[in-house]
């Protein structure tokens, strides 16, 4: 078997070779239908670094708000579908109930529920519309209570506990050797989080914890993601409270 680099994942990398930096964004977003804001952030951030482009502070905060909403949405899809596989069928509907509210917010700010193309080189596509902040605050007020309900349903369920605790343990060093990051690495006890280690888009302006596990089993991986939902809510609240005035995208059209 001989792999041909550049043709992986429906040929997205190859497709982007023939596109301008601006037109590559929709392709990049579709590499992960659960993390499209993060894909766009990584790509646009790289282009901005090459251009030495300064992103307005308001745009940075708007990016953080949407990135953390995307993180919650992604964790909800993971939790709902994983619980479904474990036999906790009702969790799927509960998690997707909150996911729909986030997608409604994405539609309100960008016109799209998924693959929003909201993050652009130099900022975001447009400022948030009237009523967005009020709708977002209503969601933030409700989300922690919903997350509490998820824990009540799962963490006292003997079948779920039996299937998660002590299963799928991966040692921290193995994860590091394989280059694994994110919730999987943090579940093993390593507090590596790019938002703290190498802050981008003003993440150093916000106070939040880095949830970590102890043994790196499936239960730790669940608990880390569940705890991150609360931290994302905290970050978004801080970003809303301190949202700067100013342009939503750079005036430098280079």
C-alpha atoms as a PDB file:
ATOM      1  CA  UNK A   1       0.000   0.000   0.000  1.00  0.00           C
ATOM      2  CA  UNK A   2       1.431   3.372  -0.999  1.00  0.00           C
ATOM      3  CA  UNK A   3      -0.291   6.463   0.407  1.00  0.00           C
ATOM      4  CA  UNK A   4      -0.432   9.533  -1.829  1.00  0.00           C
ATOM      5  CA  UNK A   5      -0.208  12.651   0.325  1.00  0.00           C
ATOM      6  CA  UNK A   6      -2.656  15.367  -0.710  1.00  0.00           C
ATOM      7  CA  UNK A   7      -5.639  13.206  -1.571  1.00  0.00           C
ATOM      8  CA  UNK A   8      -6.881  12.379   1.942  1.00  0.00           C
ATOM      9  CA  UNK A   9     -10.358  13.278   3.224  1.00  0.00           C
ATOM     10  CA  UNK A  10     -12.282  13.717  -0.063  1.00  0.00           C
ATOM     11  CA  UNK A  11      -9.369  15.546  -1.661  1.00  0.00           C
ATOM     12  CA  UNK A  12      -9.891  18.764   0.301  1.00  0.00           C
ATOM     13  CA  UNK A  13      -6.168  19.536   0.493  1.00  0.00           C
ATOM     14  CA  UNK A  14      -5.794  19.031  -3.266  1.00  0.00           C
ATOM     15  CA  UNK A  15      -8.871  21.148  -3.977  1.00  0.00           C
ATOM     16  CA  UNK A  16      -7.484  24.035  -1.925  1.00  0.00           C
ATOM     17  CA  UNK A  17      -4.320  24.152  -4.028  1.00  0.00           C
ATOM     18  CA  UNK A  18      -6.382  25.718  -6.825  1.00  0.00           C
ATOM     19  CA  UNK A  19      -8.248  28.217  -4.670  1.00  0.00           C
ATOM     20  CA  UNK A  20      -7.421  31.653  -3.318  1.00  0.00           C
ATOM     21  CA  UNK A  21      -6.900  31.968   0.429  1.00  0.00           C
ATOM     22  CA  UNK A  22     -10.371  33.533   0.673  1.00  0.00           C
ATOM     23  CA  UNK A  23     -12.142  30.775  -1.263  1.00  0.00           C
ATOM     24  CA  UNK A  24     -10.378  27.937   0.574  1.00  0.00           C
ATOM     25  CA  UNK A  25     -12.248  28.636   3.826  1.00  0.00           C
ATOM     26  CA  UNK A  26     -15.457  26.677   2.954  1.00  0.00           C
ATOM     27  CA  UNK A  27     -13.327  23.674   1.986  1.00  0.00           C
ATOM     28  CA  UNK A  28     -11.324  23.824   5.210  1.00  0.00           C
ATOM     29  CA  UNK A  29     -14.480  24.034   7.330  1.00  0.00           C
ATOM     30  CA  UNK A  30     -15.830  20.818   5.818  1.00  0.00           C
ATOM     31  CA  UNK A  31     -12.885  18.750   7.049  1.00  0.00           C
ATOM     32  CA  UNK A  32     -14.767  18.334  10.339  1.00  0.00           C
ATOM     33  CA  UNK A  33     -18.509  18.948  10.513  1.00  0.00           C
ATOM     34  CA  UNK A  34     -18.288  19.257  14.319  1.00  0.00           C
ATOM     35  CA  UNK A  35     -15.377  21.704  14.423  1.00  0.00           C
ATOM     36  CA  UNK A  36     -15.846  24.047  11.490  1.00  0.00           C
ATOM     37  CA  UNK A  37     -15.112  27.198  13.497  1.00  0.00           C
ATOM     38  CA  UNK A  38     -11.852  25.674  14.732  1.00  0.00           C
ATOM     39  CA  UNK A  39     -10.804  24.657  11.233  1.00  0.00           C
ATOM     40  CA  UNK A  40     -11.511  28.168   9.969  1.00  0.00           C
ATOM     41  CA  UNK A  41      -9.657  29.704  12.932  1.00  0.00           C
ATOM     42  CA  UNK A  42      -6.553  27.602  12.309  1.00  0.00           C
ATOM     43  CA  UNK A  43      -6.523  28.381   8.591  1.00  0.00           C
ATOM     44  CA  UNK A  44      -7.345  32.094   8.850  1.00  0.00           C
ATOM     45  CA  UNK A  45      -4.909  32.462  11.755  1.00  0.00           C
ATOM     46  CA  UNK A  46      -2.139  30.981   9.611  1.00  0.00           C
ATOM     47  CA  UNK A  47      -2.927  33.328   6.714  1.00  0.00           C
ATOM     48  CA  UNK A  48      -3.020  36.311   9.088  1.00  0.00           C
ATOM     49  CA  UNK A  49       0.379  35.320  10.476  1.00  0.00           C
ATOM     50  CA  UNK A  50       1.823  35.163   6.950  1.00  0.00           C
ATOM     51  CA  UNK A  51       0.298  38.558   6.110  1.00  0.00           C
ATOM     52  CA  UNK A  52       1.291  40.063   9.485  1.00  0.00           C
ATOM     53  CA  UNK A  53      -2.353  41.137   9.703  1.00  0.00           C
ATOM     54  CA  UNK A  54      -3.664  42.550  12.981  1.00  0.00           C
ATOM     55  CA  UNK A  55      -7.177  41.348  13.810  1.00  0.00           C
ATOM     56  CA  UNK A  56      -9.384  43.942  15.573  1.00  0.00           C
ATOM     57  CA  UNK A  57     -10.053  43.184  19.238  1.00  0.00           C
ATOM     58  CA  UNK A  58     -13.829  43.026  18.734  1.00  0.00           C
ATOM     59  CA  UNK A  59     -13.366  40.419  16.007  1.00  0.00           C
ATOM     60  CA  UNK A  60     -11.133  38.380  18.325  1.00  0.00           C
ATOM     61  CA  UNK A  61     -13.811  38.345  21.021  1.00  0.00           C
ATOM     62  CA  UNK A  62     -16.523  37.425  18.503  1.00  0.00           C
ATOM     63  CA  UNK A  63     -14.324  34.559  17.358  1.00  0.00           C
ATOM     64  CA  UNK A  64     -13.920  33.319  20.923  1.00  0.00           C
ATOM     65  CA  UNK A  65     -17.691  33.445  21.491  1.00  0.00           C
ATOM     66  CA  UNK A  66     -18.353  31.330  18.412  1.00  0.00           C
ATOM     67  CA  UNK A  67     -15.432  28.977  19.042  1.00  0.00           C
ATOM     68  CA  UNK A  68     -16.658  28.172  22.538  1.00  0.00           C
ATOM     69  CA  UNK A  69     -20.231  27.729  21.321  1.00  0.00           C
ATOM     70  CA  UNK A  70     -18.805  25.334  18.742  1.00  0.00           C
ATOM     71  CA  UNK A  71     -16.938  23.464  21.495  1.00  0.00           C
ATOM     72  CA  UNK A  72     -20.163  23.001  23.471  1.00  0.00           C
ATOM     73  CA  UNK A  73     -22.021  21.906  20.346  1.00  0.00           C
ATOM     74  CA  UNK A  74     -19.312  19.397  19.467  1.00  0.00           C
ATOM     75  CA  UNK A  75     -19.295  17.948  22.984  1.00  0.00           C
ATOM     76  CA  UNK A  76     -23.092  17.658  22.902  1.00  0.00           C
ATOM     77  CA  UNK A  77     -22.975  15.616  19.697  1.00  0.00           C
ATOM     78  CA  UNK A  78     -20.228  13.436  21.181  1.00  0.00           C
ATOM     79  CA  UNK A  79     -22.090  12.965  24.465  1.00  0.00           C
ATOM     80  CA  UNK A  80     -25.472  12.310  22.883  1.00  0.00           C
ATOM     81  CA  UNK A  81     -24.208   9.767  20.353  1.00  0.00           C
ATOM     82  CA  UNK A  82     -21.810   8.081  22.792  1.00  0.00           C
ATOM     83  CA  UNK A  83     -24.538   7.683  25.411  1.00  0.00           C
ATOM     84  CA  UNK A  84     -26.735   6.220  22.691  1.00  0.00           C
ATOM     85  CA  UNK A  85     -24.083   3.549  22.060  1.00  0.00           C
ATOM     86  CA  UNK A  86     -23.946   2.862  25.796  1.00  0.00           C
ATOM     87  CA  UNK A  87     -27.690   2.289  25.977  1.00  0.00           C
ATOM     88  CA  UNK A  88     -28.744   5.660  27.421  1.00  0.00           C
ATOM     89  CA  UNK A  89     -31.118   6.436  24.573  1.00  0.00           C
ATOM     90  CA  UNK A  90     -32.812   9.530  26.011  1.00  0.00           C
ATOM     91  CA  UNK A  91     -29.468  11.368  26.323  1.00  0.00           C
ATOM     92  CA  UNK A  92     -29.356  11.725  22.551  1.00  0.00           C
ATOM     93  CA  UNK A  93     -32.530  13.807  22.515  1.00  0.00           C
ATOM     94  CA  UNK A  94     -31.504  15.915  25.514  1.00  0.00           C
ATOM     95  CA  UNK A  95     -28.086  16.790  24.036  1.00  0.00           C
ATOM     96  CA  UNK A  96     -29.477  17.543  20.594  1.00  0.00           C
ATOM     97  CA  UNK A  97     -32.105  19.814  22.160  1.00  0.00           C
ATOM     98  CA  UNK A  98     -29.314  22.132  23.342  1.00  0.00           C
ATOM     99  CA  UNK A  99     -27.351  21.642  20.127  1.00  0.00           C
ATOM    100  CA  UNK A 100     -30.306  23.011  18.159  1.00  0.00           C
ATOM    101  CA  UNK A 101     -30.239  26.190  20.236  1.00  0.00           C
ATOM    102  CA  UNK A 102     -26.566  26.714  19.384  1.00  0.00           C
ATOM    103  CA  UNK A 103     -27.198  26.107  15.686  1.00  0.00           C
ATOM    104  CA  UNK A 104     -29.999  28.685  15.862  1.00  0.00           C
ATOM    105  CA  UNK A 105     -27.457  31.177  17.218  1.00  0.00           C
ATOM    106  CA  UNK A 106     -25.022  30.323  14.408  1.00  0.00           C
ATOM    107  CA  UNK A 107     -27.808  30.857  11.876  1.00  0.00           C
ATOM    108  CA  UNK A 108     -28.596  34.201  13.475  1.00  0.00           C
ATOM    109  CA  UNK A 109     -25.011  35.496  13.269  1.00  0.00           C
ATOM    110  CA  UNK A 110     -23.988  33.994   9.928  1.00  0.00           C
ATOM    111  CA  UNK A 111     -27.088  32.815   8.061  1.00  0.00           C
ATOM    112  CA  UNK A 112     -25.884  29.200   8.291  1.00  0.00           C
ATOM    113  CA  UNK A 113     -26.389  26.474  10.881  1.00  0.00           C
ATOM    114  CA  UNK A 114     -23.267  24.546   9.864  1.00  0.00           C
ATOM    115  CA  UNK A 115     -20.159  25.438   7.825  1.00  0.00           C
ATOM    116  CA  UNK A 116     -20.875  29.076   8.539  1.00  0.00           C
ATOM    117  CA  UNK A 117     -17.820  30.697   6.932  1.00  0.00           C
ATOM    118  CA  UNK A 118     -18.169  33.241   9.745  1.00  0.00           C
ATOM    119  CA  UNK A 119     -14.455  33.506  10.536  1.00  0.00           C
ATOM    120  CA  UNK A 120     -12.679  35.353   7.729  1.00  0.00           C
ATOM    121  CA  UNK A 121      -9.078  36.368   7.122  1.00  0.00           C
ATOM    122  CA  UNK A 122      -8.726  39.545   9.205  1.00  0.00           C
ATOM    123  CA  UNK A 123     -11.793  39.089  11.404  1.00  0.00           C
ATOM    124  CA  UNK A 124     -15.354  37.829  11.002  1.00  0.00           C
ATOM    125  CA  UNK A 125     -17.827  38.169   8.112  1.00  0.00           C
ATOM    126  CA  UNK A 126     -20.074  40.686   9.872  1.00  0.00           C
ATOM    127  CA  UNK A 127     -20.971  42.022  13.292  1.00  0.00           C
ATOM    128  CA  UNK A 128     -23.524  40.220  15.452  1.00  0.00           C
ATOM    129  CA  UNK A 129     -27.134  41.248  14.708  1.00  0.00           C
ATOM    130  CA  UNK A 130     -29.596  42.930  17.016  1.00  0.00           C
ATOM    131  CA  UNK A 131     -31.041  40.475  19.530  1.00  0.00           C
ATOM    132  CA  UNK A 132     -28.129  38.051  19.331  1.00  0.00           C
ATOM    133  CA  UNK A 133     -26.680  38.953  22.728  1.00  0.00           C
ATOM    134  CA  UNK A 134     -30.045  38.545  24.494  1.00  0.00           C
ATOM    135  CA  UNK A 135     -30.647  35.171  22.867  1.00  0.00           C
ATOM    136  CA  UNK A 136     -27.123  34.014  23.690  1.00  0.00           C
ATOM    137  CA  UNK A 137     -27.437  35.114  27.342  1.00  0.00           C
ATOM    138  CA  UNK A 138     -30.677  33.136  27.665  1.00  0.00           C
ATOM    139  CA  UNK A 139     -28.863  30.052  26.382  1.00  0.00           C
ATOM    140  CA  UNK A 140     -25.905  30.586  28.736  1.00  0.00           C
ATOM    141  CA  UNK A 141     -28.262  30.897  31.705  1.00  0.00           C
ATOM    142  CA  UNK A 142     -29.843  27.547  30.843  1.00  0.00           C
ATOM    143  CA  UNK A 143     -26.874  25.452  29.692  1.00  0.00           C
ATOM    144  CA  UNK A 144     -25.217  24.728  33.084  1.00  0.00           C
ATOM    145  CA  UNK A 145     -28.507  23.414  34.469  1.00  0.00           C
ATOM    146  CA  UNK A 146     -28.853  21.159  31.443  1.00  0.00           C
ATOM    147  CA  UNK A 147     -25.296  19.892  31.926  1.00  0.00           C
ATOM    148  CA  UNK A 148     -26.183  19.101  35.549  1.00  0.00           C
ATOM    149  CA  UNK A 149     -29.067  17.009  34.270  1.00  0.00           C
ATOM    150  CA  UNK A 150     -26.762  15.061  31.962  1.00  0.00           C
ATOM    151  CA  UNK A 151     -24.553  14.186  34.929  1.00  0.00           C
ATOM    152  CA  UNK A 152     -27.544  13.148  37.036  1.00  0.00           C
ATOM    153  CA  UNK A 153     -28.672  10.806  34.270  1.00  0.00           C
ATOM    154  CA  UNK A 154     -25.293   9.237  33.553  1.00  0.00           C
ATOM    155  CA  UNK A 155     -23.123   9.323  36.665  1.00  0.00           C
ATOM    156  CA  UNK A 156     -25.608   7.324  38.743  1.00  0.00           C
ATOM    157  CA  UNK A 157     -26.266   4.801  35.969  1.00  0.00           C
ATOM    158  CA  UNK A 158     -24.568   1.522  36.905  1.00  0.00           C
ATOM    159  CA  UNK A 159     -24.446   0.280  33.314  1.00  0.00           C
ATOM    160  CA  UNK A 160     -22.773   3.462  32.064  1.00  0.00           C
ATOM    161  CA  UNK A 161     -20.279   3.500  34.936  1.00  0.00           C
ATOM    162  CA  UNK A 162     -19.396  -0.166  34.399  1.00  0.00           C
ATOM    163  CA  UNK A 163     -18.776   0.428  30.703  1.00  0.00           C
ATOM    164  CA  UNK A 164     -16.667   3.586  31.205  1.00  0.00           C
ATOM    165  CA  UNK A 165     -14.580   3.146  34.373  1.00  0.00           C
ATOM    166  CA  UNK A 166     -11.295   1.356  33.797  1.00  0.00           C
ATOM    167  CA  UNK A 167     -11.952   0.775  30.091  1.00  0.00           C
ATOM    168  CA  UNK A 168      -9.910   2.074  27.178  1.00  0.00           C
ATOM    169  CA  UNK A 169      -7.046   3.278  29.365  1.00  0.00           C
ATOM    170  CA  UNK A 170      -4.243   4.895  27.358  1.00  0.00           C
ATOM    171  CA  UNK A 171      -1.107   5.970  29.273  1.00  0.00           C
ATOM    172  CA  UNK A 172      -0.140   9.632  29.065  1.00  0.00           C
ATOM    173  CA  UNK A 173       3.257   8.857  27.540  1.00  0.00           C
ATOM    174  CA  UNK A 174       1.659   6.819  24.776  1.00  0.00           C
ATOM    175  CA  UNK A 175      -0.597   9.756  23.943  1.00  0.00           C
ATOM    176  CA  UNK A 176       2.382  12.109  23.864  1.00  0.00           C
ATOM    177  CA  UNK A 177       4.362   9.720  21.648  1.00  0.00           C
ATOM    178  CA  UNK A 178       1.443   9.646  19.208  1.00  0.00           C
ATOM    179  CA  UNK A 179       1.006  13.437  19.257  1.00  0.00           C
ATOM    180  CA  UNK A 180      -2.477  13.272  20.767  1.00  0.00           C
ATOM    181  CA  UNK A 181      -3.830  16.493  22.311  1.00  0.00           C
ATOM    182  CA  UNK A 182      -7.200  17.864  23.408  1.00  0.00           C
ATOM    183  CA  UNK A 183      -9.597  16.152  25.827  1.00  0.00           C
ATOM    184  CA  UNK A 184      -7.924  12.760  25.314  1.00  0.00           C
ATOM    185  CA  UNK A 185      -4.570  13.999  26.590  1.00  0.00           C
ATOM    186  CA  UNK A 186      -6.150  16.077  29.366  1.00  0.00           C
ATOM    187  CA  UNK A 187      -8.097  13.007  30.507  1.00  0.00           C
ATOM    188  CA  UNK A 188      -4.772  11.317  31.258  1.00  0.00           C
ATOM    189  CA  UNK A 189      -3.856  14.123  33.691  1.00  0.00           C
ATOM    190  CA  UNK A 190      -1.854  16.378  31.374  1.00  0.00           C
ATOM    191  CA  UNK A 191      -3.229  19.970  31.523  1.00  0.00           C
ATOM    192  CA  UNK A 192      -2.047  20.907  28.007  1.00  0.00           C
ATOM    193  CA  UNK A 193      -4.485  23.394  26.462  1.00  0.00           C
ATOM    194  CA  UNK A 194      -3.427  25.607  23.578  1.00  0.00           C
ATOM    195  CA  UNK A 195      -5.662  28.414  24.852  1.00  0.00           C
ATOM    196  CA  UNK A 196      -3.407  28.619  27.930  1.00  0.00           C
ATOM    197  CA  UNK A 197      -0.072  27.373  26.578  1.00  0.00           C
ATOM    198  CA  UNK A 198      -0.048  29.533  23.432  1.00  0.00           C
ATOM    199  CA  UNK A 199      -2.997  31.970  23.733  1.00  0.00           C
ATOM    200  CA  UNK A 200      -4.575  33.180  20.497  1.00  0.00           C
ATOM    201  CA  UNK A 201      -7.518  35.458  19.726  1.00  0.00           C
ATOM    202  CA  UNK A 202      -7.348  37.113  23.190  1.00  0.00           C
ATOM    203  CA  UNK A 203      -7.842  33.864  25.162  1.00  0.00           C
ATOM    204  CA  UNK A 204      -5.356  35.254  27.689  1.00  0.00           C
ATOM    205  CA  UNK A 205      -8.029  37.828  28.636  1.00  0.00           C
ATOM    206  CA  UNK A 206     -10.342  35.187  30.108  1.00  0.00           C
ATOM    207  CA  UNK A 207     -10.313  33.179  33.321  1.00  0.00           C
ATOM    208  CA  UNK A 208     -11.103  29.471  33.022  1.00  0.00           C
ATOM    209  CA  UNK A 209      -9.970  26.112  34.392  1.00  0.00           C
ATOM    210  CA  UNK A 210      -8.455  23.211  32.477  1.00  0.00           C
ATOM    211  CA  UNK A 211     -10.347  20.046  33.479  1.00  0.00           C
ATOM    212  CA  UNK A 212      -8.084  16.994  33.717  1.00  0.00           C
ATOM    213  CA  UNK A 213      -8.556  13.320  34.496  1.00  0.00           C
ATOM    214  CA  UNK A 214      -6.424  10.881  36.465  1.00  0.00           C
ATOM    215  CA  UNK A 215      -6.033   7.532  34.706  1.00  0.00           C
ATOM    216  CA  UNK A 216      -7.091   8.334  31.138  1.00  0.00           C
ATOM    217  CA  UNK A 217      -9.942   5.854  30.891  1.00  0.00           C
ATOM    218  CA  UNK A 218     -13.263   6.340  29.100  1.00  0.00           C
ATOM    219  CA  UNK A 219     -14.821   7.775  32.249  1.00  0.00           C
ATOM    220  CA  UNK A 220     -12.097  10.446  32.512  1.00  0.00           C
ATOM    221  CA  UNK A 221     -12.620  11.330  28.869  1.00  0.00           C
ATOM    222  CA  UNK A 222     -16.328  11.753  29.521  1.00  0.00           C
ATOM    223  CA  UNK A 223     -15.778  13.849  32.663  1.00  0.00           C
ATOM    224  CA  UNK A 224     -13.258  16.146  30.979  1.00  0.00           C
ATOM    225  CA  UNK A 225     -15.579  16.978  28.105  1.00  0.00           C
ATOM    226  CA  UNK A 226     -18.534  17.399  30.431  1.00  0.00           C
ATOM    227  CA  UNK A 227     -16.554  19.790  32.640  1.00  0.00           C
ATOM    228  CA  UNK A 228     -15.388  21.755  29.591  1.00  0.00           C
ATOM    229  CA  UNK A 229     -19.010  22.668  28.832  1.00  0.00           C
ATOM    230  CA  UNK A 230     -19.158  24.723  32.054  1.00  0.00           C
ATOM    231  CA  UNK A 231     -15.813  26.385  31.288  1.00  0.00           C
ATOM    232  CA  UNK A 232     -16.954  27.341  27.789  1.00  0.00           C
ATOM    233  CA  UNK A 233     -20.061  28.985  29.248  1.00  0.00           C
ATOM    234  CA  UNK A 234     -17.815  30.981  31.607  1.00  0.00           C
ATOM    235  CA  UNK A 235     -15.553  32.111  28.741  1.00  0.00           C
ATOM    236  CA  UNK A 236     -18.484  33.237  26.589  1.00  0.00           C
ATOM    237  CA  UNK A 237     -20.005  35.196  29.477  1.00  0.00           C
ATOM    238  CA  UNK A 238     -16.697  37.023  30.015  1.00  0.00           C
ATOM    239  CA  UNK A 239     -16.372  37.746  26.293  1.00  0.00           C
ATOM    240  CA  UNK A 240     -19.893  39.190  26.172  1.00  0.00           C
ATOM    241  CA  UNK A 241     -19.340  41.333  29.248  1.00  0.00           C
ATOM    242  CA  UNK A 242     -16.070  42.714  27.897  1.00  0.00           C
ATOM    243  CA  UNK A 243     -16.946  42.839  24.185  1.00  0.00           C
ATOM    244  CA  UNK A 244     -14.961  45.800  22.805  1.00  0.00           C
ATOM    245  CA  UNK A 245     -16.310  48.383  20.405  1.00  0.00           C
ATOM    246  CA  UNK A 246     -14.733  48.755  16.997  1.00  0.00           C
ATOM    247  CA  UNK A 247     -14.622  47.079  13.598  1.00  0.00           C
ATOM    248  CA  UNK A 248     -15.424  43.393  13.132  1.00  0.00           C
ATOM    249  CA  UNK A 249     -12.767  42.942  10.440  1.00  0.00           C
ATOM    250  CA  UNK A 250      -9.487  44.613   9.546  1.00  0.00           C
ATOM    251  CA  UNK A 251      -9.511  47.631   7.256  1.00  0.00           C
ATOM    252  CA  UNK A 252      -6.235  46.440   5.725  1.00  0.00           C
ATOM    253  CA  UNK A 253      -7.347  44.829   2.440  1.00  0.00           C
ATOM    254  CA  UNK A 254      -3.870  43.477   1.580  1.00  0.00           C
END
